[in-house]
mmCIF file of all heavy atoms, coordinates in Angstrom:
data_MODEL
# 
_entry.id   MODEL 
# 
loop_
_atom_site.group_PDB 
_atom_site.id 
_atom_site.type_symbol 
_atom_site.label_atom_id 
_atom_site.label_alt_id 
_atom_site.label_comp_id 
_atom_site.label_asym_id 
_atom_site.label_entity_id 
_atom_site.label_seq_id 
_atom_site.pdbx_PDB_ins_code 
_atom_site.Cartn_x 
_atom_site.Cartn_y 
_atom_site.Cartn_z 
_atom_site.occupancy 
_atom_site.B_iso_or_equiv 
_atom_site.pdbx_formal_charge 
_atom_site.auth_seq_id 
_atom_site.auth_comp_id 
_atom_site.auth_asym_id 
_atom_site.auth_atom_id 
_atom_site.pdbx_PDB_model_num 
ATOM 1   N N   . TRP A 1 1  ? -3.713 1.008   -5.540  1.00 0.00 ? 1  TRP A N   1 
ATOM 2   C CA  . TRP A 1 1  ? -3.640 0.325   -4.256  1.00 0.00 ? 1  TRP A CA  1 
ATOM 3   C C   . TRP A 1 1  ? -3.374 1.407   -3.245  1.00 0.00 ? 1  TRP A C   1 
ATOM 4   O O   . TRP A 1 1  ? -2.413 2.158   -3.279  1.00 0.00 ? 1  TRP A O   1 
ATOM 5   C CB  . TRP A 1 1  ? -2.533 -0.729  -4.401  1.00 0.00 ? 1  TRP A CB  1 
ATOM 6   C CG  . TRP A 1 1  ? -2.079 -1.430  -3.174  1.00 0.00 ? 1  TRP A CG  1 
ATOM 7   C CD1 . TRP A 1 1  ? -2.649 -1.381  -1.936  1.00 0.00 ? 1  TRP A CD1 1 
ATOM 8   C CD2 . TRP A 1 1  ? -1.123 -2.439  -3.099  1.00 0.00 ? 1  TRP A CD2 1 
ATOM 9   N NE1 . TRP A 1 1  ? -1.875 -2.171  -1.043  1.00 0.00 ? 1  TRP A NE1 1 
ATOM 10  C CE2 . TRP A 1 1  ? -0.962 -2.824  -1.770  1.00 0.00 ? 1  TRP A CE2 1 
ATOM 11  C CE3 . TRP A 1 1  ? -0.240 -3.036  -4.022  1.00 0.00 ? 1  TRP A CE3 1 
ATOM 12  C CZ2 . TRP A 1 1  ? -0.068 -3.871  -1.358  1.00 0.00 ? 1  TRP A CZ2 1 
ATOM 13  C CZ3 . TRP A 1 1  ? 0.679  -3.922  -3.576  1.00 0.00 ? 1  TRP A CZ3 1 
ATOM 14  C CH2 . TRP A 1 1  ? 0.748  -4.326  -2.355  1.00 0.00 ? 1  TRP A CH2 1 
ATOM 15  N N   . VAL A 1 2  ? -4.291 1.440   -2.149  1.00 0.00 ? 2  VAL A N   1 
ATOM 16  C CA  . VAL A 1 2  ? -4.066 2.343   -1.034  1.00 0.00 ? 2  VAL A CA  1 
ATOM 17  C C   . VAL A 1 2  ? -4.183 1.535   0.305   1.00 0.00 ? 2  VAL A C   1 
ATOM 18  O O   . VAL A 1 2  ? -4.986 0.537   0.299   1.00 0.00 ? 2  VAL A O   1 
ATOM 19  C CB  . VAL A 1 2  ? -4.991 3.494   -1.145  1.00 0.00 ? 2  VAL A CB  1 
ATOM 20  C CG1 . VAL A 1 2  ? -4.649 4.400   -2.318  1.00 0.00 ? 2  VAL A CG1 1 
ATOM 21  C CG2 . VAL A 1 2  ? -6.498 3.096   -1.214  1.00 0.00 ? 2  VAL A CG2 1 
ATOM 22  N N   . GLU A 1 3  ? -3.748 2.136   1.346   1.00 0.00 ? 3  GLU A N   1 
ATOM 23  C CA  . GLU A 1 3  ? -3.859 1.490   2.657   1.00 0.00 ? 3  GLU A CA  1 
ATOM 24  C C   . GLU A 1 3  ? -4.052 2.528   3.728   1.00 0.00 ? 3  GLU A C   1 
ATOM 25  O O   . GLU A 1 3  ? -3.601 3.709   3.625   1.00 0.00 ? 3  GLU A O   1 
ATOM 26  C CB  . GLU A 1 3  ? -2.616 0.599   3.017   1.00 0.00 ? 3  GLU A CB  1 
ATOM 27  C CG  . GLU A 1 3  ? -2.288 -0.511  2.156   1.00 0.00 ? 3  GLU A CG  1 
ATOM 28  C CD  . GLU A 1 3  ? -1.003 -1.201  2.663   1.00 0.00 ? 3  GLU A CD  1 
ATOM 29  O OE1 . GLU A 1 3  ? -0.658 -1.095  3.883   1.00 0.00 ? 3  GLU A OE1 1 
ATOM 30  O OE2 . GLU A 1 3  ? -0.281 -1.870  1.884   1.00 0.00 ? 3  GLU A OE2 1 
ATOM 31  N N   . GLN A 1 4  ? -4.766 2.234   4.791   1.00 0.00 ? 4  GLN A N   1 
ATOM 32  C CA  . GLN A 1 4  ? -4.931 2.995   5.921   1.00 0.00 ? 4  GLN A CA  1 
ATOM 33  C C   . GLN A 1 4  ? -4.443 2.190   7.131   1.00 0.00 ? 4  GLN A C   1 
ATOM 34  O O   . GLN A 1 4  ? -4.990 1.144   7.400   1.00 0.00 ? 4  GLN A O   1 
ATOM 35  C CB  . GLN A 1 4  ? -6.310 3.496   6.161   1.00 0.00 ? 4  GLN A CB  1 
ATOM 36  C CG  . GLN A 1 4  ? -6.857 4.186   4.944   1.00 0.00 ? 4  GLN A CG  1 
ATOM 37  C CD  . GLN A 1 4  ? -7.454 3.273   3.961   1.00 0.00 ? 4  GLN A CD  1 
ATOM 38  O OE1 . GLN A 1 4  ? -8.162 2.307   4.257   1.00 0.00 ? 4  GLN A OE1 1 
ATOM 39  N NE2 . GLN A 1 4  ? -7.162 3.499   2.622   1.00 0.00 ? 4  GLN A NE2 1 
ATOM 40  N N   . GLU A 1 5  ? -3.383 2.700   7.854   1.00 0.00 ? 5  GLU A N   1 
ATOM 41  C CA  . GLU A 1 5  ? -2.840 1.894   8.964   1.00 0.00 ? 5  GLU A CA  1 
ATOM 42  C C   . GLU A 1 5  ? -2.920 2.735   10.277  1.00 0.00 ? 5  GLU A C   1 
ATOM 43  O O   . GLU A 1 5  ? -2.574 3.833   10.351  1.00 0.00 ? 5  GLU A O   1 
ATOM 44  C CB  . GLU A 1 5  ? -1.296 1.626   8.649   1.00 0.00 ? 5  GLU A CB  1 
ATOM 45  C CG  . GLU A 1 5  ? -1.065 1.020   7.431   1.00 0.00 ? 5  GLU A CG  1 
ATOM 46  C CD  . GLU A 1 5  ? 0.446  0.873   7.053   1.00 0.00 ? 5  GLU A CD  1 
ATOM 47  O OE1 . GLU A 1 5  ? 1.215  1.444   7.847   1.00 0.00 ? 5  GLU A OE1 1 
ATOM 48  O OE2 . GLU A 1 5  ? 0.845  0.127   6.016   1.00 0.00 ? 5  GLU A OE2 1 
ATOM 49  N N   . TYR A 1 6  ? -3.506 1.983   11.260  1.00 0.00 ? 6  TYR A N   1 
ATOM 50  C CA  . TYR A 1 6  ? -3.571 2.641   12.603  1.00 0.00 ? 6  TYR A CA  1 
ATOM 51  C C   . TYR A 1 6  ? -2.535 1.949   13.526  1.00 0.00 ? 6  TYR A C   1 
ATOM 52  O O   . TYR A 1 6  ? -2.509 0.819   13.758  1.00 0.00 ? 6  TYR A O   1 
ATOM 53  C CB  . TYR A 1 6  ? -4.955 2.411   13.285  1.00 0.00 ? 6  TYR A CB  1 
ATOM 54  C CG  . TYR A 1 6  ? -5.059 2.922   14.634  1.00 0.00 ? 6  TYR A CG  1 
ATOM 55  C CD1 . TYR A 1 6  ? -5.002 4.334   14.933  1.00 0.00 ? 6  TYR A CD1 1 
ATOM 56  C CD2 . TYR A 1 6  ? -5.130 2.041   15.759  1.00 0.00 ? 6  TYR A CD2 1 
ATOM 57  C CE1 . TYR A 1 6  ? -4.985 4.832   16.162  1.00 0.00 ? 6  TYR A CE1 1 
ATOM 58  C CE2 . TYR A 1 6  ? -5.328 2.565   16.988  1.00 0.00 ? 6  TYR A CE2 1 
ATOM 59  C CZ  . TYR A 1 6  ? -5.132 3.926   17.228  1.00 0.00 ? 6  TYR A CZ  1 
ATOM 60  O OH  . TYR A 1 6  ? -5.174 4.412   18.529  1.00 0.00 ? 6  TYR A OH  1 
ATOM 61  N N   . LEU A 1 7  ? -1.589 2.772   13.902  1.00 0.00 ? 7  LEU A N   1 
ATOM 62  C CA  . LEU A 1 7  ? -0.459 2.363   14.752  1.00 0.00 ? 7  LEU A CA  1 
ATOM 63  C C   . LEU A 1 7  ? -0.887 2.429   16.221  1.00 0.00 ? 7  LEU A C   1 
ATOM 64  O O   . LEU A 1 7  ? -1.074 3.483   16.777  1.00 0.00 ? 7  LEU A O   1 
ATOM 65  C CB  . LEU A 1 7  ? 0.794  3.126   14.484  1.00 0.00 ? 7  LEU A CB  1 
ATOM 66  C CG  . LEU A 1 7  ? 1.444  2.738   13.211  1.00 0.00 ? 7  LEU A CG  1 
ATOM 67  C CD1 . LEU A 1 7  ? 0.701  3.206   11.943  1.00 0.00 ? 7  LEU A CD1 1 
ATOM 68  C CD2 . LEU A 1 7  ? 2.838  3.434   13.097  1.00 0.00 ? 7  LEU A CD2 1 
ATOM 69  N N   . PHE A 1 8  ? -1.014 1.275   17.029  1.00 0.00 ? 8  PHE A N   1 
ATOM 70  C CA  . PHE A 1 8  ? -1.409 1.311   18.339  1.00 0.00 ? 8  PHE A CA  1 
ATOM 71  C C   . PHE A 1 8  ? -0.464 2.232   19.331  1.00 0.00 ? 8  PHE A C   1 
ATOM 72  O O   . PHE A 1 8  ? -0.871 3.072   20.045  1.00 0.00 ? 8  PHE A O   1 
ATOM 73  C CB  . PHE A 1 8  ? -1.425 -0.055  18.960  1.00 0.00 ? 8  PHE A CB  1 
ATOM 74  C CG  . PHE A 1 8  ? -2.350 -1.041  18.210  1.00 0.00 ? 8  PHE A CG  1 
ATOM 75  C CD1 . PHE A 1 8  ? -1.849 -2.296  18.039  1.00 0.00 ? 8  PHE A CD1 1 
ATOM 76  C CD2 . PHE A 1 8  ? -3.566 -0.616  17.786  1.00 0.00 ? 8  PHE A CD2 1 
ATOM 77  C CE1 . PHE A 1 8  ? -2.729 -3.194  17.272  1.00 0.00 ? 8  PHE A CE1 1 
ATOM 78  C CE2 . PHE A 1 8  ? -4.402 -1.558  17.107  1.00 0.00 ? 8  PHE A CE2 1 
ATOM 79  C CZ  . PHE A 1 8  ? -3.989 -2.899  16.879  1.00 0.00 ? 8  PHE A CZ  1 
ATOM 80  N N   . GLN A 1 9  ? 0.820  1.928   19.165  1.00 0.00 ? 9  GLN A N   1 
ATOM 81  C CA  . GLN A 1 9  ? 1.694  2.522   20.152  1.00 0.00 ? 9  GLN A CA  1 
ATOM 82  C C   . GLN A 1 9  ? 1.875  4.020   19.977  1.00 0.00 ? 9  GLN A C   1 
ATOM 83  O O   . GLN A 1 9  ? 2.113  4.730   20.846  1.00 0.00 ? 9  GLN A O   1 
ATOM 84  C CB  . GLN A 1 9  ? 3.167  1.845   20.106  1.00 0.00 ? 9  GLN A CB  1 
ATOM 85  C CG  . GLN A 1 9  ? 2.988  0.312   20.463  1.00 0.00 ? 9  GLN A CG  1 
ATOM 86  C CD  . GLN A 1 9  ? 4.374  -0.359  20.155  1.00 0.00 ? 9  GLN A CD  1 
ATOM 87  O OE1 . GLN A 1 9  ? 5.278  0.201   19.692  1.00 0.00 ? 9  GLN A OE1 1 
ATOM 88  N NE2 . GLN A 1 9  ? 4.422  -1.658  20.601  1.00 0.00 ? 9  GLN A NE2 1 
ATOM 89  N N   . GLU A 1 10 ? 1.712  4.452   18.698  1.00 0.00 ? 10 GLU A N   1 
ATOM 90  C CA  . GLU A 1 10 ? 1.828  5.901   18.398  1.00 0.00 ? 10 GLU A CA  1 
ATOM 91  C C   . GLU A 1 10 ? 0.491  6.610   18.387  1.00 0.00 ? 10 GLU A C   1 
ATOM 92  O O   . GLU A 1 10 ? 0.398  7.829   18.285  1.00 0.00 ? 10 GLU A O   1 
ATOM 93  C CB  . GLU A 1 10 ? 2.542  6.109   17.127  1.00 0.00 ? 10 GLU A CB  1 
ATOM 94  C CG  . GLU A 1 10 ? 3.990  5.418   17.153  1.00 0.00 ? 10 GLU A CG  1 
ATOM 95  C CD  . GLU A 1 10 ? 4.703  5.615   15.823  1.00 0.00 ? 10 GLU A CD  1 
ATOM 96  O OE1 . GLU A 1 10 ? 4.622  6.744   15.317  1.00 0.00 ? 10 GLU A OE1 1 
ATOM 97  O OE2 . GLU A 1 10 ? 5.257  4.626   15.352  1.00 0.00 ? 10 GLU A OE2 1 
ATOM 98  N N   . ASP A 1 11 ? -0.593 5.851   18.481  1.00 0.00 ? 11 ASP A N   1 
ATOM 99  C CA  . ASP A 1 11 ? -1.896 6.402   18.413  1.00 0.00 ? 11 ASP A CA  1 
ATOM 100 C C   . ASP A 1 11 ? -2.176 7.350   17.226  1.00 0.00 ? 11 ASP A C   1 
ATOM 101 O O   . ASP A 1 11 ? -2.505 8.498   17.341  1.00 0.00 ? 11 ASP A O   1 
ATOM 102 C CB  . ASP A 1 11 ? -2.273 6.973   19.763  1.00 0.00 ? 11 ASP A CB  1 
ATOM 103 C CG  . ASP A 1 11 ? -3.767 7.428   19.792  1.00 0.00 ? 11 ASP A CG  1 
ATOM 104 O OD1 . ASP A 1 11 ? -4.624 6.778   19.135  1.00 0.00 ? 11 ASP A OD1 1 
ATOM 105 O OD2 . ASP A 1 11 ? -4.116 8.341   20.588  1.00 0.00 ? 11 ASP A OD2 1 
ATOM 106 N N   . LYS A 1 12 ? -1.844 6.858   15.985  1.00 0.00 ? 12 LYS A N   1 
ATOM 107 C CA  . LYS A 1 12 ? -1.963 7.650   14.860  1.00 0.00 ? 12 LYS A CA  1 
ATOM 108 C C   . LYS A 1 12 ? -2.302 6.847   13.565  1.00 0.00 ? 12 LYS A C   1 
ATOM 109 O O   . LYS A 1 12 ? -2.037 5.629   13.611  1.00 0.00 ? 12 LYS A O   1 
ATOM 110 C CB  . LYS A 1 12 ? -0.725 8.502   14.685  1.00 0.00 ? 12 LYS A CB  1 
ATOM 111 C CG  . LYS A 1 12 ? 0.476  7.709   14.130  1.00 0.00 ? 12 LYS A CG  1 
ATOM 112 C CD  . LYS A 1 12 ? 1.612  8.608   13.685  1.00 0.00 ? 12 LYS A CD  1 
ATOM 113 C CE  . LYS A 1 12 ? 2.784  7.858   13.140  1.00 0.00 ? 12 LYS A CE  1 
ATOM 114 N NZ  . LYS A 1 12 ? 3.891  8.711   12.707  1.00 0.00 ? 12 LYS A NZ  1 
ATOM 115 N N   . TRP A 1 13 ? -2.843 7.520   12.588  1.00 0.00 ? 13 TRP A N   1 
ATOM 116 C CA  . TRP A 1 13 ? -3.098 6.872   11.304  1.00 0.00 ? 13 TRP A CA  1 
ATOM 117 C C   . TRP A 1 13 ? -2.037 7.237   10.348  1.00 0.00 ? 13 TRP A C   1 
ATOM 118 O O   . TRP A 1 13 ? -1.522 8.315   10.284  1.00 0.00 ? 13 TRP A O   1 
ATOM 119 C CB  . TRP A 1 13 ? -4.525 7.313   10.820  1.00 0.00 ? 13 TRP A CB  1 
ATOM 120 C CG  . TRP A 1 13 ? -5.607 6.656   11.561  1.00 0.00 ? 13 TRP A CG  1 
ATOM 121 C CD1 . TRP A 1 13 ? -6.295 7.124   12.615  1.00 0.00 ? 13 TRP A CD1 1 
ATOM 122 C CD2 . TRP A 1 13 ? -6.331 5.402   11.180  1.00 0.00 ? 13 TRP A CD2 1 
ATOM 123 N NE1 . TRP A 1 13 ? -7.299 6.282   12.953  1.00 0.00 ? 13 TRP A NE1 1 
ATOM 124 C CE2 . TRP A 1 13 ? -7.356 5.214   12.060  1.00 0.00 ? 13 TRP A CE2 1 
ATOM 125 C CE3 . TRP A 1 13 ? -6.151 4.463   10.153  1.00 0.00 ? 13 TRP A CE3 1 
ATOM 126 C CZ2 . TRP A 1 13 ? -8.182 4.053   12.044  1.00 0.00 ? 13 TRP A CZ2 1 
ATOM 127 C CZ3 . TRP A 1 13 ? -6.946 3.461   10.071  1.00 0.00 ? 13 TRP A CZ3 1 
ATOM 128 C CH2 . TRP A 1 13 ? -7.950 3.202   10.966  1.00 0.00 ? 13 TRP A CH2 1 
ATOM 129 N N   . GLU A 1 14 ? -1.705 6.306   9.444   1.00 0.00 ? 14 GLU A N   1 
ATOM 130 C CA  . GLU A 1 14 ? -0.892 6.564   8.258   1.00 0.00 ? 14 GLU A CA  1 
ATOM 131 C C   . GLU A 1 14 ? -1.759 6.238   7.053   1.00 0.00 ? 14 GLU A C   1 
ATOM 132 O O   . GLU A 1 14 ? -2.419 5.193   7.005   1.00 0.00 ? 14 GLU A O   1 
ATOM 133 C CB  . GLU A 1 14 ? 0.397  5.822   8.314   1.00 0.00 ? 14 GLU A CB  1 
ATOM 134 C CG  . GLU A 1 14 ? 1.372  6.359   9.419   1.00 0.00 ? 14 GLU A CG  1 
ATOM 135 C CD  . GLU A 1 14 ? 2.781  5.737   9.316   1.00 0.00 ? 14 GLU A CD  1 
ATOM 136 O OE1 . GLU A 1 14 ? 2.899  4.756   8.567   1.00 0.00 ? 14 GLU A OE1 1 
ATOM 137 O OE2 . GLU A 1 14 ? 3.553  6.093   10.168  1.00 0.00 ? 14 GLU A OE2 1 
ATOM 138 N N   . PHE A 1 15 ? -1.458 6.999   5.896   1.00 0.00 ? 15 PHE A N   1 
ATOM 139 C CA  . PHE A 1 15 ? -2.235 6.798   4.680   1.00 0.00 ? 15 PHE A CA  1 
ATOM 140 C C   . PHE A 1 15 ? -1.108 6.471   3.577   1.00 0.00 ? 15 PHE A C   1 
ATOM 141 O O   . PHE A 1 15 ? -0.334 7.323   3.253   1.00 0.00 ? 15 PHE A O   1 
ATOM 142 C CB  . PHE A 1 15 ? -3.164 7.994   4.383   1.00 0.00 ? 15 PHE A CB  1 
ATOM 143 C CG  . PHE A 1 15 ? -4.093 8.286   5.383   1.00 0.00 ? 15 PHE A CG  1 
ATOM 144 C CD1 . PHE A 1 15 ? -3.860 9.119   6.483   1.00 0.00 ? 15 PHE A CD1 1 
ATOM 145 C CD2 . PHE A 1 15 ? -5.393 7.581   5.364   1.00 0.00 ? 15 PHE A CD2 1 
ATOM 146 C CE1 . PHE A 1 15 ? -4.746 9.326   7.563   1.00 0.00 ? 15 PHE A CE1 1 
ATOM 147 C CE2 . PHE A 1 15 ? -6.286 7.791   6.496   1.00 0.00 ? 15 PHE A CE2 1 
ATOM 148 C CZ  . PHE A 1 15 ? -5.977 8.675   7.535   1.00 0.00 ? 15 PHE A CZ  1 
ATOM 149 N N   . ILE A 1 16 ? -1.197 5.277   3.088   1.00 0.00 ? 16 ILE A N   1 
ATOM 150 C CA  . ILE A 1 16 ? -0.143 4.744   2.190   1.00 0.00 ? 16 ILE A CA  1 
ATOM 151 C C   . ILE A 1 16 ? -0.731 4.459   0.850   1.00 0.00 ? 16 ILE A C   1 
ATOM 152 O O   . ILE A 1 16 ? -1.983 4.179   0.642   1.00 0.00 ? 16 ILE A O   1 
ATOM 153 C CB  . ILE A 1 16 ? 0.351  3.358   2.791   1.00 0.00 ? 16 ILE A CB  1 
ATOM 154 C CG1 . ILE A 1 16 ? 0.810  3.560   4.268   1.00 0.00 ? 16 ILE A CG1 1 
ATOM 155 C CG2 . ILE A 1 16 ? 1.484  2.801   1.899   1.00 0.00 ? 16 ILE A CG2 1 
ATOM 156 C CD1 . ILE A 1 16 ? 1.895  4.580   4.483   1.00 0.00 ? 16 ILE A CD1 1 
ATOM 157 N N   . TYR A 1 17 ? 0.115  4.606   -0.159  1.00 0.00 ? 17 TYR A N   1 
ATOM 158 C CA  . TYR A 1 17 ? -0.183 4.184   -1.538  1.00 0.00 ? 17 TYR A CA  1 
ATOM 159 C C   . TYR A 1 17 ? 0.902  3.317   -2.051  1.00 0.00 ? 17 TYR A C   1 
ATOM 160 O O   . TYR A 1 17 ? 2.092  3.332   -1.795  1.00 0.00 ? 17 TYR A O   1 
ATOM 161 C CB  . TYR A 1 17 ? -0.420 5.328   -2.527  1.00 0.00 ? 17 TYR A CB  1 
ATOM 162 C CG  . TYR A 1 17 ? 0.784  6.369   -2.567  1.00 0.00 ? 17 TYR A CG  1 
ATOM 163 C CD1 . TYR A 1 17 ? 1.898  6.207   -3.329  1.00 0.00 ? 17 TYR A CD1 1 
ATOM 164 C CD2 . TYR A 1 17 ? 0.762  7.504   -1.738  1.00 0.00 ? 17 TYR A CD2 1 
ATOM 165 C CE1 . TYR A 1 17 ? 2.913  7.054   -3.412  1.00 0.00 ? 17 TYR A CE1 1 
ATOM 166 C CE2 . TYR A 1 17 ? 1.838  8.479   -1.769  1.00 0.00 ? 17 TYR A CE2 1 
ATOM 167 C CZ  . TYR A 1 17 ? 2.872  8.196   -2.608  1.00 0.00 ? 17 TYR A CZ  1 
ATOM 168 O OH  . TYR A 1 17 ? 3.937  9.129   -2.624  1.00 0.00 ? 17 TYR A OH  1 
ATOM 169 N N   . ASN A 1 18 ? 0.451  2.224   -2.820  1.00 0.00 ? 18 ASN A N   1 
ATOM 170 C CA  . ASN A 1 18 ? 1.407  1.175   -3.295  1.00 0.00 ? 18 ASN A CA  1 
ATOM 171 C C   . ASN A 1 18 ? 0.981  0.866   -4.784  1.00 0.00 ? 18 ASN A C   1 
ATOM 172 O O   . ASN A 1 18 ? 0.601  -0.268  -5.170  1.00 0.00 ? 18 ASN A O   1 
ATOM 173 C CB  . ASN A 1 18 ? 1.222  -0.130  -2.489  1.00 0.00 ? 18 ASN A CB  1 
ATOM 174 C CG  . ASN A 1 18 ? 1.541  0.097   -1.064  1.00 0.00 ? 18 ASN A CG  1 
ATOM 175 O OD1 . ASN A 1 18 ? 2.809  0.006   -0.756  1.00 0.00 ? 18 ASN A OD1 1 
ATOM 176 N ND2 . ASN A 1 18 ? 0.621  0.283   -0.263  1.00 0.00 ? 18 ASN A ND2 1 
ATOM 177 N N   . PRO A 1 19 ? 1.116  1.761   -5.744  1.00 0.00 ? 19 PRO A N   1 
ATOM 178 C CA  . PRO A 1 19 ? 0.703  1.424   -7.110  1.00 0.00 ? 19 PRO A CA  1 
ATOM 179 C C   . PRO A 1 19 ? 1.620  0.385   -7.776  1.00 0.00 ? 19 PRO A C   1 
ATOM 180 O O   . PRO A 1 19 ? 2.781  0.425   -7.458  1.00 0.00 ? 19 PRO A O   1 
ATOM 181 C CB  . PRO A 1 19 ? 0.765  2.804   -7.798  1.00 0.00 ? 19 PRO A CB  1 
ATOM 182 C CG  . PRO A 1 19 ? 1.841  3.509   -7.087  1.00 0.00 ? 19 PRO A CG  1 
ATOM 183 C CD  . PRO A 1 19 ? 1.596  3.192   -5.664  1.00 0.00 ? 19 PRO A CD  1 
ATOM 184 N N   . THR A 1 20 ? 1.087  -0.332  -8.661  1.00 0.00 ? 20 THR A N   1 
ATOM 185 C CA  . THR A 1 20 ? 1.818  -1.310  -9.438  1.00 0.00 ? 20 THR A CA  1 
ATOM 186 C C   . THR A 1 20 ? 1.424  -1.175  -10.863 1.00 0.00 ? 20 THR A C   1 
ATOM 187 O O   . THR A 1 20 ? 0.321  -0.855  -11.279 1.00 0.00 ? 20 THR A O   1 
ATOM 188 C CB  . THR A 1 20 ? 1.660  -2.801  -8.924  1.00 0.00 ? 20 THR A CB  1 
ATOM 189 O OG1 . THR A 1 20 ? 0.341  -3.246  -9.446  1.00 0.00 ? 20 THR A OG1 1 
ATOM 190 C CG2 . THR A 1 20 ? 1.709  -2.842  -7.498  1.00 0.00 ? 20 THR A CG2 1 
ATOM 191 N N   . LEU A 1 21 ? 2.333  -1.568  -11.793 1.00 0.00 ? 21 LEU A N   1 
ATOM 192 C CA  . LEU A 1 21 ? 2.155  -1.538  -13.265 1.00 0.00 ? 21 LEU A CA  1 
ATOM 193 C C   . LEU A 1 21 ? 3.205  -2.449  -13.831 1.00 0.00 ? 21 LEU A C   1 
ATOM 194 O O   . LEU A 1 21 ? 4.371  -2.467  -13.578 1.00 0.00 ? 21 LEU A O   1 
ATOM 195 C CB  . LEU A 1 21 ? 2.242  -0.141  -13.795 1.00 0.00 ? 21 LEU A CB  1 
ATOM 196 C CG  . LEU A 1 21 ? 2.212  -0.030  -15.355 1.00 0.00 ? 21 LEU A CG  1 
ATOM 197 C CD1 . LEU A 1 21 ? 0.821  -0.362  -15.800 1.00 0.00 ? 21 LEU A CD1 1 
ATOM 198 C CD2 . LEU A 1 21 ? 2.556  1.393   -15.732 1.00 0.00 ? 21 LEU A CD2 1 
ATOM 199 N N   . GLY A 1 22 ? 2.695  -3.383  -14.801 1.00 0.00 ? 22 GLY A N   1 
ATOM 200 C CA  . GLY A 1 22 ? 3.653  -4.342  -15.346 1.00 0.00 ? 22 GLY A CA  1 
ATOM 201 C C   . GLY A 1 22 ? 3.046  -5.007  -16.545 1.00 0.00 ? 22 GLY A C   1 
ATOM 202 O O   . GLY A 1 22 ? 1.829  -5.066  -16.775 1.00 0.00 ? 22 GLY A O   1 
ATOM 203 N N   . ALA A 1 23 ? 3.938  -5.751  -17.303 1.00 0.00 ? 23 ALA A N   1 
ATOM 204 C CA  . ALA A 1 23 ? 3.438  -6.463  -18.476 1.00 0.00 ? 23 ALA A CA  1 
ATOM 205 C C   . ALA A 1 23 ? 4.183  -7.823  -18.507 1.00 0.00 ? 23 ALA A C   1 
ATOM 206 O O   . ALA A 1 23 ? 5.403  -7.795  -18.101 1.00 0.00 ? 23 ALA A O   1 
ATOM 207 C CB  . ALA A 1 23 ? 3.669  -5.746  -19.702 1.00 0.00 ? 23 ALA A CB  1 
ATOM 208 N N   . ALA A 1 24 ? 3.549  -8.925  -18.941 1.00 0.00 ? 24 ALA A N   1 
ATOM 209 C CA  . ALA A 1 24 ? 4.249  -10.163 -19.016 1.00 0.00 ? 24 ALA A CA  1 
ATOM 210 C C   . ALA A 1 24 ? 3.809  -10.810 -20.303 1.00 0.00 ? 24 ALA A C   1 
ATOM 211 O O   . ALA A 1 24 ? 2.590  -10.653 -20.816 1.00 0.00 ? 24 ALA A O   1 
ATOM 212 C CB  . ALA A 1 24 ? 3.762  -11.106 -17.873 1.00 0.00 ? 24 ALA A CB  1 
ATOM 213 N N   . TYR A 1 25 ? 4.688  -11.577 -20.983 1.00 0.00 ? 25 TYR A N   1 
ATOM 214 C CA  . TYR A 1 25 ? 4.420  -12.147 -22.191 1.00 0.00 ? 25 TYR A CA  1 
ATOM 215 C C   . TYR A 1 25 ? 4.485  -13.782 -22.041 1.00 0.00 ? 25 TYR A C   1 
ATOM 216 O O   . TYR A 1 25 ? 5.490  -14.186 -21.474 1.00 0.00 ? 25 TYR A O   1 
ATOM 217 C CB  . TYR A 1 25 ? 5.373  -11.790 -23.360 1.00 0.00 ? 25 TYR A CB  1 
ATOM 218 C CG  . TYR A 1 25 ? 5.169  -12.380 -24.718 1.00 0.00 ? 25 TYR A CG  1 
ATOM 219 C CD1 . TYR A 1 25 ? 3.971  -12.015 -25.376 1.00 0.00 ? 25 TYR A CD1 1 
ATOM 220 C CD2 . TYR A 1 25 ? 5.894  -13.432 -25.203 1.00 0.00 ? 25 TYR A CD2 1 
ATOM 221 C CE1 . TYR A 1 25 ? 3.683  -12.619 -26.625 1.00 0.00 ? 25 TYR A CE1 1 
ATOM 222 C CE2 . TYR A 1 25 ? 5.658  -13.974 -26.391 1.00 0.00 ? 25 TYR A CE2 1 
ATOM 223 C CZ  . TYR A 1 25 ? 4.563  -13.596 -27.145 1.00 0.00 ? 25 TYR A CZ  1 
ATOM 224 O OH  . TYR A 1 25 ? 4.230  -14.148 -28.343 1.00 0.00 ? 25 TYR A OH  1 
ATOM 225 N N   . GLU A 1 26 ? 3.498  -14.420 -22.578 1.00 0.00 ? 26 GLU A N   1 
ATOM 226 C CA  . GLU A 1 26 ? 3.469  -15.857 -22.427 1.00 0.00 ? 26 GLU A CA  1 
ATOM 227 C C   . GLU A 1 26 ? 4.385  -16.511 -23.518 1.00 0.00 ? 26 GLU A C   1 
ATOM 228 O O   . GLU A 1 26 ? 3.907  -16.622 -24.668 1.00 0.00 ? 26 GLU A O   1 
ATOM 229 C CB  . GLU A 1 26 ? 2.012  -16.358 -22.528 1.00 0.00 ? 26 GLU A CB  1 
ATOM 230 C CG  . GLU A 1 26 ? 1.796  -17.830 -22.135 1.00 0.00 ? 26 GLU A CG  1 
ATOM 231 C CD  . GLU A 1 26 ? 0.355  -18.188 -22.091 1.00 0.00 ? 26 GLU A CD  1 
ATOM 232 O OE1 . GLU A 1 26 ? -0.252 -18.398 -23.208 1.00 0.00 ? 26 GLU A OE1 1 
ATOM 233 O OE2 . GLU A 1 26 ? -0.234 -18.303 -21.068 1.00 0.00 ? 26 GLU A OE2 1 
ATOM 234 N N   . LEU A 1 27 ? 5.468  -17.068 -23.205 1.00 0.00 ? 27 LEU A N   1 
ATOM 235 C CA  . LEU A 1 27 ? 6.352  -17.777 -24.100 1.00 0.00 ? 27 LEU A CA  1 
ATOM 236 C C   . LEU A 1 27 ? 5.804  -19.034 -24.634 1.00 0.00 ? 27 LEU A C   1 
ATOM 237 O O   . LEU A 1 27 ? 5.804  -19.344 -25.823 1.00 0.00 ? 27 LEU A O   1 
ATOM 238 C CB  . LEU A 1 27 ? 7.715  -17.972 -23.490 1.00 0.00 ? 27 LEU A CB  1 
ATOM 239 C CG  . LEU A 1 27 ? 8.436  -16.707 -22.951 1.00 0.00 ? 27 LEU A CG  1 
ATOM 240 C CD1 . LEU A 1 27 ? 9.693  -17.034 -22.264 1.00 0.00 ? 27 LEU A CD1 1 
ATOM 241 C CD2 . LEU A 1 27 ? 8.780  -15.750 -24.109 1.00 0.00 ? 27 LEU A CD2 1 
# 
């Protein structure tokens, strides 16, 4: 998961990552 954010007030781009990983078991 990645994001690109343009902030109006600061007139700049930020480049974000949000990786996830998990496991679930069906009881």
